[in-house]
Amino acid sequence: MKIEAIDFLILEGEPIEPEWTPYRTMIELPGSHTVRFGHKPFEGEGIKLPARPTYACILRIRTDENLETVGVFGGGFSREQVEWEATTFKLQWEPELVGADALNREYMWHKMWMARRYFHMPNFLPLALIDQLLWDLAGLKAKLPVHKLLGGFRDRVPAYLTEASRNHEQTLEVAQKAKDLGYKGFKDHSMLGPQANVALARDLRDLVGDEMVLMHDAVQQYSVDDAIKVGHQLWDLDYLWIEEPLQEIDILGLKRLSDATDLPVLALESNLGHPYVATPYMQSGAIDIVRNVAMGITGQMKLANLAETFGMNAHGGNVHVIAAVRNDDWYEHHARNAFKRFDNELTRPLTLAAASLIKETFEVRDGYMYVPQTPGLGREIDWEEIEARTINTL
């Protein structure tokens, strides 16, 4: 099955009012003999502008077997900018994709992996999208959901709710919602400093009781000594893990922390380069759980399988990867998605508007994420509406 063409569809959407408020502001942490930086929720007015037109860009891959797939490539408030980004990407990647066997996903993944460096790409998100779309085509051809092609392990996974950039009381409110809605766990991103974070952890445990799982994402705010102290106290509160406790370049600090506490340490969300860069962290015992942010579905499967050989979990991949492997016990459901909030991200309304045309069909209910059972990625694509909104094809 050959890739016959890649197209970029430029869609015009409804006007919206751009609105943005920062997540966080920087602070100096008190009580240290040297300056250390932390962060806290942003307090102040955001930016709101008058309504203006919106544009979305959808990448379409067509094959010589009349199978095609699409994914949201980007969006913005300027048609010219959206078209420029699509045009430049197509110029670079059309020769690499058109004519290739769409089923040679491993070949294409390695080609894209090396192209990140050779093409000086600022991030691998467009390449991850291509990899996902190639898996979609394979599933459509085989008439199987992607998680079955990947191996197939289960059809549902326990779900926890996660919240970010909230103060003490707001975090408790969201945790109460998680409990009321039947989530199996809750994760905070408290940025209040070691003592205040532990105080919140105690209140969270009192609120949700002993049956609900709790996790703490420190967003790299601690020193090693602080992380050790917090880790001991979270262990006493029966927390499941501490996430991103230190800067992730600090492999020696993570090793000290992991050796000093029984609480599992999860890391490598921001230290990109997976699956390859994760090996020394796992080999040295610097972490207990690896964040699965590898490039695309193919990369995430590589990392999950690598982690399994070390007896570790790899957490946070694509829903099809989570369902296909044994060593990811949880699905993380962000509160902004669960409660349909935009949460301070300027382009999120644009992305959500385009995503409504390419709808994910996995469900989070009764405390579980249920993976799609229909062919490919299991999405519902509104081809008629996409065609109606398309104002240009590149």
Protein backbone atom coordinates (compact mmCIF):
# COMPACT_ATOMS: atom_id res chain seq x y z
CA MET A 1 0.00 0.00 0.00
CA LYS A 2 1.82 3.07 -1.29
CA ILE A 3 1.39 6.63 -0.08
CA GLU A 4 -0.04 8.39 -3.11
CA ALA A 5 -0.23 11.95 -1.82
CA ILE A 6 -0.12 14.16 1.24
CA ASP A 7 -2.42 17.16 1.28
CA PHE A 8 -3.05 20.01 3.66
CA LEU A 9 -6.64 21.17 3.95
CA ILE A 10 -7.09 24.76 5.14
CA LEU A 11 -10.39 25.12 6.98
CA GLU A 12 -12.16 28.31 8.00
CA GLY A 13 -13.88 28.21 11.38
CA GLU A 14 -16.15 30.39 13.43
CA PRO A 15 -14.69 33.63 14.83
CA ILE A 16 -13.63 33.46 18.47
CA GLU A 17 -12.29 35.93 21.03
CA PRO A 18 -8.60 35.16 21.70
CA GLU A 19 -8.07 34.87 25.43
CA TRP A 20 -5.00 33.85 27.38
CA THR A 21 -3.76 33.89 30.96
CA PRO A 22 -0.36 32.46 31.99
CA TYR A 23 -0.34 29.25 34.00
CA ARG A 24 2.43 30.31 36.34
CA THR A 25 4.78 33.04 37.49
CA MET A 26 8.32 32.58 38.78
CA ILE A 27 9.30 33.03 42.44
CA GLU A 28 12.42 32.76 44.55
CA LEU A 29 12.03 30.05 47.16
CA PRO A 30 12.64 31.32 50.71
CA GLY A 31 14.82 29.69 53.36
CA SER A 32 17.78 28.73 51.17
CA HIS A 33 21.40 29.84 51.43
CA THR A 34 21.45 30.23 47.67
CA VAL A 35 18.86 31.47 45.21
CA ARG A 36 16.50 28.75 44.06
CA PHE A 37 13.61 29.31 41.73
CA GLY A 38 10.10 27.95 41.98
CA HIS A 39 6.75 28.92 40.57
CA LYS A 40 3.20 29.63 41.65
CA PRO A 41 -0.15 30.10 39.93
CA PHE A 42 -0.32 33.34 37.95
CA GLU A 43 -2.34 36.04 39.64
CA GLY A 44 -3.51 38.87 37.44
CA GLU A 45 -5.40 39.80 34.33
CA GLY A 46 -4.98 37.87 31.13
CA ILE A 47 -5.29 39.04 27.55
CA LYS A 48 -8.58 39.18 25.67
CA LEU A 49 -8.99 40.52 22.15
CA PRO A 50 -12.02 41.13 19.93
CA ALA A 51 -13.38 38.20 17.94
CA ARG A 52 -11.56 37.32 14.75
CA PRO A 53 -11.64 34.54 12.10
CA THR A 54 -10.00 31.21 12.85
CA TYR A 55 -8.28 28.72 10.59
CA ALA A 56 -7.35 25.07 10.99
CA CYS A 57 -4.96 22.93 9.00
CA ILE A 58 -5.63 19.22 8.50
CA LEU A 59 -3.03 16.80 7.15
CA ARG A 60 -4.45 14.12 4.83
CA ILE A 61 -2.52 11.04 3.71
CA ARG A 62 -3.95 9.19 0.67
CA THR A 63 -2.93 5.76 -0.58
CA ASP A 64 -3.18 3.84 -3.85
CA GLU A 65 -5.73 1.50 -2.24
CA ASN A 66 -8.34 4.22 -1.73
CA LEU A 67 -7.64 4.39 1.99
CA GLU A 68 -6.99 7.77 3.52
CA THR A 69 -6.56 9.28 6.95
CA VAL A 70 -6.44 12.77 8.42
CA GLY A 71 -5.18 14.53 11.52
CA VAL A 72 -5.11 18.07 12.89
CA PHE A 73 -1.79 19.65 11.90
CA GLY A 74 -2.30 23.10 13.40
CA GLY A 75 -4.39 26.23 13.57
CA GLY A 76 -4.28 29.97 14.03
CA PHE A 77 -5.89 33.35 13.52
CA SER A 78 -4.02 34.11 10.31
CA ARG A 79 -4.80 32.18 7.14
CA GLU A 80 -1.47 33.22 5.66
CA GLN A 81 0.50 31.86 8.63
CA VAL A 82 -1.40 28.55 8.66
CA GLU A 83 -0.87 28.12 4.92
CA TRP A 84 2.82 29.03 5.25
CA GLU A 85 3.42 26.38 7.91
CA ALA A 86 1.61 23.77 5.82
CA THR A 87 3.42 24.73 2.61
CA THR A 88 6.89 24.64 4.14
CA PHE A 89 6.24 21.29 5.84
CA LYS A 90 4.92 19.79 2.61
CA LEU A 91 7.92 21.02 0.64
CA GLN A 92 10.24 19.25 3.10
CA TRP A 93 8.29 16.05 3.64
CA GLU A 94 6.42 15.25 0.43
CA PRO A 95 9.54 13.71 -1.19
CA GLU A 96 10.12 11.59 1.94
CA LEU A 97 6.56 10.24 2.14
CA VAL A 98 5.00 10.01 -1.30
CA GLY A 99 5.78 6.66 -2.92
CA ALA A 100 6.72 5.01 0.38
CA ASP A 101 5.02 1.84 1.58
CA ALA A 102 2.52 3.02 4.19
CA LEU A 103 2.85 -0.30 6.03
CA ASN A 104 6.60 0.14 6.56
CA ARG A 105 6.03 2.05 9.77
CA GLU A 106 9.30 0.97 11.37
CA TYR A 107 11.28 2.14 8.34
CA MET A 108 9.44 5.47 8.29
CA TRP A 109 9.86 5.96 12.05
CA HIS A 110 13.64 5.58 11.87
CA LYS A 111 13.78 7.86 8.85
CA MET A 112 11.81 10.54 10.70
CA TRP A 113 13.88 10.04 13.85
CA MET A 114 17.08 10.91 11.98
CA ALA A 115 15.37 13.71 10.06
CA ARG A 116 14.67 15.52 13.32
CA ARG A 117 18.39 16.29 13.47
CA TYR A 118 19.13 16.65 9.79
CA PHE A 119 16.18 19.00 9.20
CA HIS A 120 16.77 20.95 12.46
CA MET A 121 13.18 20.39 13.56
CA PRO A 122 12.19 22.28 16.74
CA ASN A 123 9.90 19.43 17.88
CA PHE A 124 8.71 16.03 16.77
CA LEU A 125 4.94 16.59 17.09
CA PRO A 126 4.31 16.66 13.30
CA LEU A 127 6.35 13.46 12.95
CA ALA A 128 4.41 11.83 15.78
CA LEU A 129 1.22 12.74 13.90
CA ILE A 130 2.50 11.07 10.73
CA ASP A 131 3.39 7.93 12.67
CA GLN A 132 -0.09 7.81 14.23
CA LEU A 133 -1.73 8.25 10.83
CA LEU A 134 0.33 5.40 9.38
CA TRP A 135 -0.92 3.18 12.21
CA ASP A 136 -4.46 4.33 11.41
CA LEU A 137 -4.02 3.28 7.78
CA ALA A 138 -2.69 -0.12 8.87
CA GLY A 139 -5.69 -0.64 11.13
CA LEU A 140 -8.12 0.43 8.42
CA LYS A 141 -6.53 -1.99 5.97
CA ALA A 142 -6.54 -4.86 8.48
CA LYS A 143 -10.02 -3.89 9.77
CA LEU A 144 -8.67 -3.99 13.31
CA PRO A 145 -8.23 -1.35 16.05
CA VAL A 146 -4.64 -0.20 16.43
CA HIS A 147 -4.30 -1.63 19.95
CA LYS A 148 -5.03 -5.09 18.55
CA LEU A 149 -2.33 -4.66 15.90
CA LEU A 150 0.07 -3.61 18.65
CA GLY A 151 -0.57 -6.82 20.54
CA GLY A 152 -3.74 -6.27 22.52
CA PHE A 153 -3.77 -6.60 26.31
CA ARG A 154 -7.06 -5.10 27.60
CA ASP A 155 -10.03 -3.01 26.59
CA ARG A 156 -10.21 -0.68 29.58
CA VAL A 157 -7.70 0.97 31.92
CA PRO A 158 -8.27 2.64 35.33
CA ALA A 159 -8.43 6.43 34.98
CA TYR A 160 -7.27 9.20 37.27
CA LEU A 161 -8.04 12.91 37.05
CA THR A 162 -5.17 15.39 36.94
CA GLU A 163 -5.23 19.11 37.70
CA ALA A 164 -2.67 21.86 37.16
CA SER A 165 -1.92 25.35 38.44
CA ARG A 166 -4.54 25.53 41.18
CA ASN A 167 -4.28 26.77 44.73
CA HIS A 168 -4.94 24.68 47.84
CA GLU A 169 -8.71 25.09 47.98
CA GLN A 170 -9.22 24.79 44.22
CA THR A 171 -7.22 21.56 44.15
CA LEU A 172 -9.40 20.10 46.90
CA GLU A 173 -12.50 21.09 44.93
CA VAL A 174 -11.30 19.28 41.81
CA ALA A 175 -10.29 16.24 43.88
CA GLN A 176 -13.82 16.15 45.27
CA LYS A 177 -15.16 16.19 41.71
CA ALA A 178 -12.85 13.31 40.83
CA LYS A 179 -14.16 11.33 43.77
CA ASP A 180 -17.79 12.14 42.97
CA LEU A 181 -17.34 11.11 39.32
CA GLY A 182 -15.82 7.75 40.26
CA TYR A 183 -12.22 8.26 39.14
CA LYS A 184 -9.84 5.72 40.61
CA GLY A 185 -7.21 8.33 41.40
CA PHE A 186 -6.24 12.01 41.46
CA LYS A 187 -2.95 13.80 40.74
CA ASP A 188 -2.04 17.30 41.86
CA HIS A 189 0.53 19.69 40.41
CA SER A 190 0.89 21.72 43.58
CA MET A 191 3.54 24.45 43.35
CA LEU A 192 3.31 25.83 46.88
CA GLY A 193 6.67 24.66 48.24
CA PRO A 194 7.57 21.52 50.22
CA GLN A 195 5.69 22.24 53.46
CA ALA A 196 2.54 23.56 51.79
CA ASN A 197 2.54 20.70 49.28
CA VAL A 198 2.69 18.13 52.08
CA ALA A 199 -0.11 19.95 53.92
CA LEU A 200 -2.19 19.73 50.74
CA ALA A 201 -1.31 16.04 50.41
CA ARG A 202 -2.65 15.40 53.92
CA ASP A 203 -5.88 17.24 53.15
CA LEU A 204 -6.25 15.34 49.89
CA ARG A 205 -5.85 12.01 51.65
CA ASP A 206 -8.40 13.03 54.30
CA LEU A 207 -10.79 14.13 51.55
CA VAL A 208 -10.68 11.10 49.26
CA GLY A 209 -10.14 8.39 51.89
CA ASP A 210 -8.02 5.29 51.67
CA GLU A 211 -9.56 3.73 48.56
CA MET A 212 -8.56 6.40 46.05
CA VAL A 213 -5.05 6.54 44.60
CA LEU A 214 -3.11 9.83 44.89
CA MET A 215 -0.07 11.07 42.95
CA HIS A 216 1.99 14.26 43.24
CA ASP A 217 3.58 15.99 40.23
CA ALA A 218 6.15 18.45 41.57
CA VAL A 219 6.95 19.97 38.13
CA GLN A 220 10.70 19.95 38.96
CA GLN A 221 10.40 22.37 41.90
CA TYR A 222 12.46 20.56 44.56
CA SER A 223 16.07 20.24 45.54
CA VAL A 224 17.20 16.67 46.19
CA ASP A 225 16.98 17.13 49.96
CA ASP A 226 13.49 18.63 49.74
CA ALA A 227 12.35 15.86 47.43
CA ILE A 228 13.61 13.22 49.87
CA LYS A 229 11.72 14.83 52.76
CA VAL A 230 8.54 15.18 50.73
CA GLY A 231 8.90 11.66 49.37
CA HIS A 232 9.04 10.17 52.87
CA GLN A 233 5.89 12.01 53.91
CA LEU A 234 4.00 11.11 50.74
CA TRP A 235 4.96 7.48 51.29
CA ASP A 236 3.41 7.67 54.76
CA LEU A 237 0.26 9.06 53.13
CA ASP A 238 0.18 6.07 50.75
CA TYR A 239 0.85 8.07 47.58
CA LEU A 240 1.47 6.03 44.45
CA TRP A 241 4.35 8.11 43.03
CA ILE A 242 6.14 11.46 42.94
CA GLU A 243 6.51 12.85 39.43
CA GLU A 244 9.14 15.25 38.05
CA PRO A 245 10.56 16.03 41.50
CA LEU A 246 13.85 17.40 40.09
CA GLN A 247 15.18 18.83 36.88
CA GLU A 248 15.30 15.78 34.67
CA ILE A 249 18.88 16.39 33.51
CA ASP A 250 19.88 15.60 37.12
CA ILE A 251 20.28 11.84 36.78
CA LEU A 252 22.53 11.70 39.86
CA GLY A 253 20.00 13.63 41.96
CA LEU A 254 17.20 11.34 40.81
CA LYS A 255 19.39 8.38 41.74
CA ARG A 256 19.94 9.80 45.25
CA LEU A 257 16.20 10.35 45.64
CA SER A 258 15.24 6.90 44.41
CA ASP A 259 17.77 5.30 46.77
CA ALA A 260 16.59 7.36 49.73
CA THR A 261 12.83 6.77 49.55
CA ASP A 262 10.49 3.86 48.93
CA LEU A 263 8.10 6.13 47.02
CA PRO A 264 8.36 5.41 43.26
CA VAL A 265 9.86 8.22 41.18
CA LEU A 266 8.36 8.99 37.76
CA ALA A 267 10.31 11.20 35.37
CA LEU A 268 11.44 12.06 31.83
CA GLU A 269 8.46 14.05 30.57
CA SER A 270 10.54 17.06 29.56
CA ASN A 271 13.92 15.41 28.90
CA LEU A 272 12.94 14.43 25.39
CA GLY A 273 14.73 11.99 23.13
CA HIS A 274 12.94 8.80 24.05
CA PRO A 275 13.21 5.92 23.77
CA TYR A 276 17.00 6.07 23.66
CA VAL A 277 17.77 8.67 26.33
CA ALA A 278 15.75 6.74 28.93
CA THR A 279 18.15 3.79 29.05
CA PRO A 280 20.77 5.20 31.50
CA TYR A 281 18.02 6.41 33.86
CA MET A 282 16.49 2.95 34.02
CA GLN A 283 19.79 1.09 34.05
CA SER A 284 21.13 3.14 36.97
CA GLY A 285 17.93 2.92 39.01
CA ALA A 286 17.50 6.71 38.92
CA ILE A 287 13.77 6.34 38.21
CA ASP A 288 11.09 3.74 38.88
CA ILE A 289 8.56 4.75 36.21
CA VAL A 290 9.34 6.39 32.87
CA ARG A 291 7.05 8.95 31.28
CA ASN A 292 6.04 7.64 27.86
CA VAL A 293 6.41 10.70 25.64
CA ALA A 294 8.37 8.99 22.87
CA MET A 295 7.79 9.99 19.24
CA GLY A 296 4.53 8.57 17.97
CA ILE A 297 2.91 5.23 18.63
CA THR A 298 5.96 3.38 17.30
CA GLY A 299 8.30 5.20 19.67
CA GLN A 300 5.99 4.72 22.63
CA MET A 301 5.83 0.98 22.03
CA LYS A 302 9.64 0.88 21.92
CA LEU A 303 9.87 2.69 25.24
CA ALA A 304 7.13 0.61 26.90
CA ASN A 305 8.82 -2.61 25.83
CA LEU A 306 12.21 -1.31 26.96
CA ALA A 307 10.80 -0.38 30.37
CA GLU A 308 9.25 -3.83 30.73
CA THR A 309 12.65 -5.45 30.34
CA PHE A 310 13.77 -3.40 33.36
CA GLY A 311 10.66 -4.41 35.30
CA MET A 312 9.28 -0.87 35.10
CA ASN A 313 6.12 0.84 33.97
CA ALA A 314 6.02 3.39 31.13
CA HIS A 315 3.18 5.77 31.84
CA GLY A 316 1.20 8.20 29.72
CA GLY A 317 1.22 7.03 26.10
CA ASN A 318 -1.42 7.01 23.38
CA VAL A 319 -4.63 5.25 24.45
CA HIS A 320 -3.93 2.41 21.99
CA VAL A 321 -0.45 1.94 23.44
CA ILE A 322 -1.83 1.89 26.99
CA ALA A 323 -4.34 -0.78 25.99
CA ALA A 324 -1.72 -2.85 24.15
CA VAL A 325 0.92 -3.15 26.90
CA ARG A 326 0.97 -4.71 30.34
CA ASN A 327 3.14 -2.12 32.04
CA ASP A 328 0.98 1.02 32.06
CA ASP A 329 -1.59 0.82 34.81
CA TRP A 330 -3.33 4.19 34.41
CA TYR A 331 -4.95 6.59 31.98
CA GLU A 332 -4.40 10.25 32.88
CA HIS A 333 -7.48 12.39 32.19
CA HIS A 334 -6.78 16.11 32.32
CA ALA A 335 -9.40 18.23 34.07
CA ARG A 336 -9.35 20.69 31.17
CA ASN A 337 -10.55 17.91 28.88
CA ALA A 338 -12.89 16.27 31.37
CA PHE A 339 -14.62 19.57 32.14
CA LYS A 340 -14.20 21.13 28.67
CA ARG A 341 -12.06 24.03 29.93
CA PHE A 342 -9.67 26.02 27.74
CA ASP A 343 -7.34 26.66 30.70
CA ASN A 344 -5.19 29.56 29.56
CA GLU A 345 -3.92 28.10 26.29
CA LEU A 346 -4.48 30.59 23.49
CA THR A 347 -4.79 28.03 20.69
CA ARG A 348 -6.70 25.38 22.61
CA PRO A 349 -10.13 26.61 21.39
CA LEU A 350 -8.79 26.39 17.82
CA THR A 351 -7.51 22.87 18.37
CA LEU A 352 -10.74 21.74 20.00
CA ALA A 353 -12.81 23.20 17.17
CA ALA A 354 -10.78 21.28 14.59
CA ALA A 355 -10.71 18.16 16.74
CA SER A 356 -14.52 18.12 16.78
CA LEU A 357 -14.30 17.20 13.09
CA ILE A 358 -11.97 14.29 13.89
CA LYS A 359 -13.47 12.95 17.08
CA GLU A 360 -11.68 10.54 19.38
CA THR A 361 -14.06 7.83 20.54
CA PHE A 362 -12.37 6.48 23.64
CA GLU A 363 -14.54 7.04 26.71
CA VAL A 364 -13.78 7.84 30.32
CA ARG A 365 -16.62 6.61 32.53
CA ASP A 366 -17.13 4.68 35.74
CA GLY A 367 -13.49 5.29 36.65
CA TYR A 368 -12.06 3.66 33.49
CA MET A 369 -10.85 4.64 30.05
CA TYR A 370 -12.48 2.42 27.43
CA VAL A 371 -10.39 2.06 24.29
CA PRO A 372 -12.05 2.17 20.81
CA GLN A 373 -12.94 -1.15 19.20
CA THR A 374 -13.43 0.09 15.64
CA PRO A 375 -10.74 -0.16 12.92
CA GLY A 376 -7.66 2.03 12.96
CA LEU A 377 -7.49 4.72 15.61
CA GLY A 378 -11.24 4.34 16.02
CA ARG A 379 -12.07 7.96 15.30
CA GLU A 380 -15.25 9.44 13.88
CA ILE A 381 -14.35 11.75 10.98
CA ASP A 382 -16.89 14.26 9.71
CA TRP A 383 -15.75 14.23 6.09
CA GLU A 384 -18.79 16.23 4.94
CA GLU A 385 -18.12 19.09 7.36
CA ILE A 386 -14.40 19.05 6.60
CA GLU A 387 -15.20 19.43 2.91
CA ALA A 388 -17.69 22.18 3.61
CA ARG A 389 -15.20 24.19 5.65
CA THR A 390 -12.20 23.70 3.35
CA ILE A 391 -11.20 26.94 1.62
CA ASN A 392 -7.89 25.76 0.17
CA THR A 393 -6.04 22.51 -0.49
CA LEU A 394 -2.26 22.52 -0.66
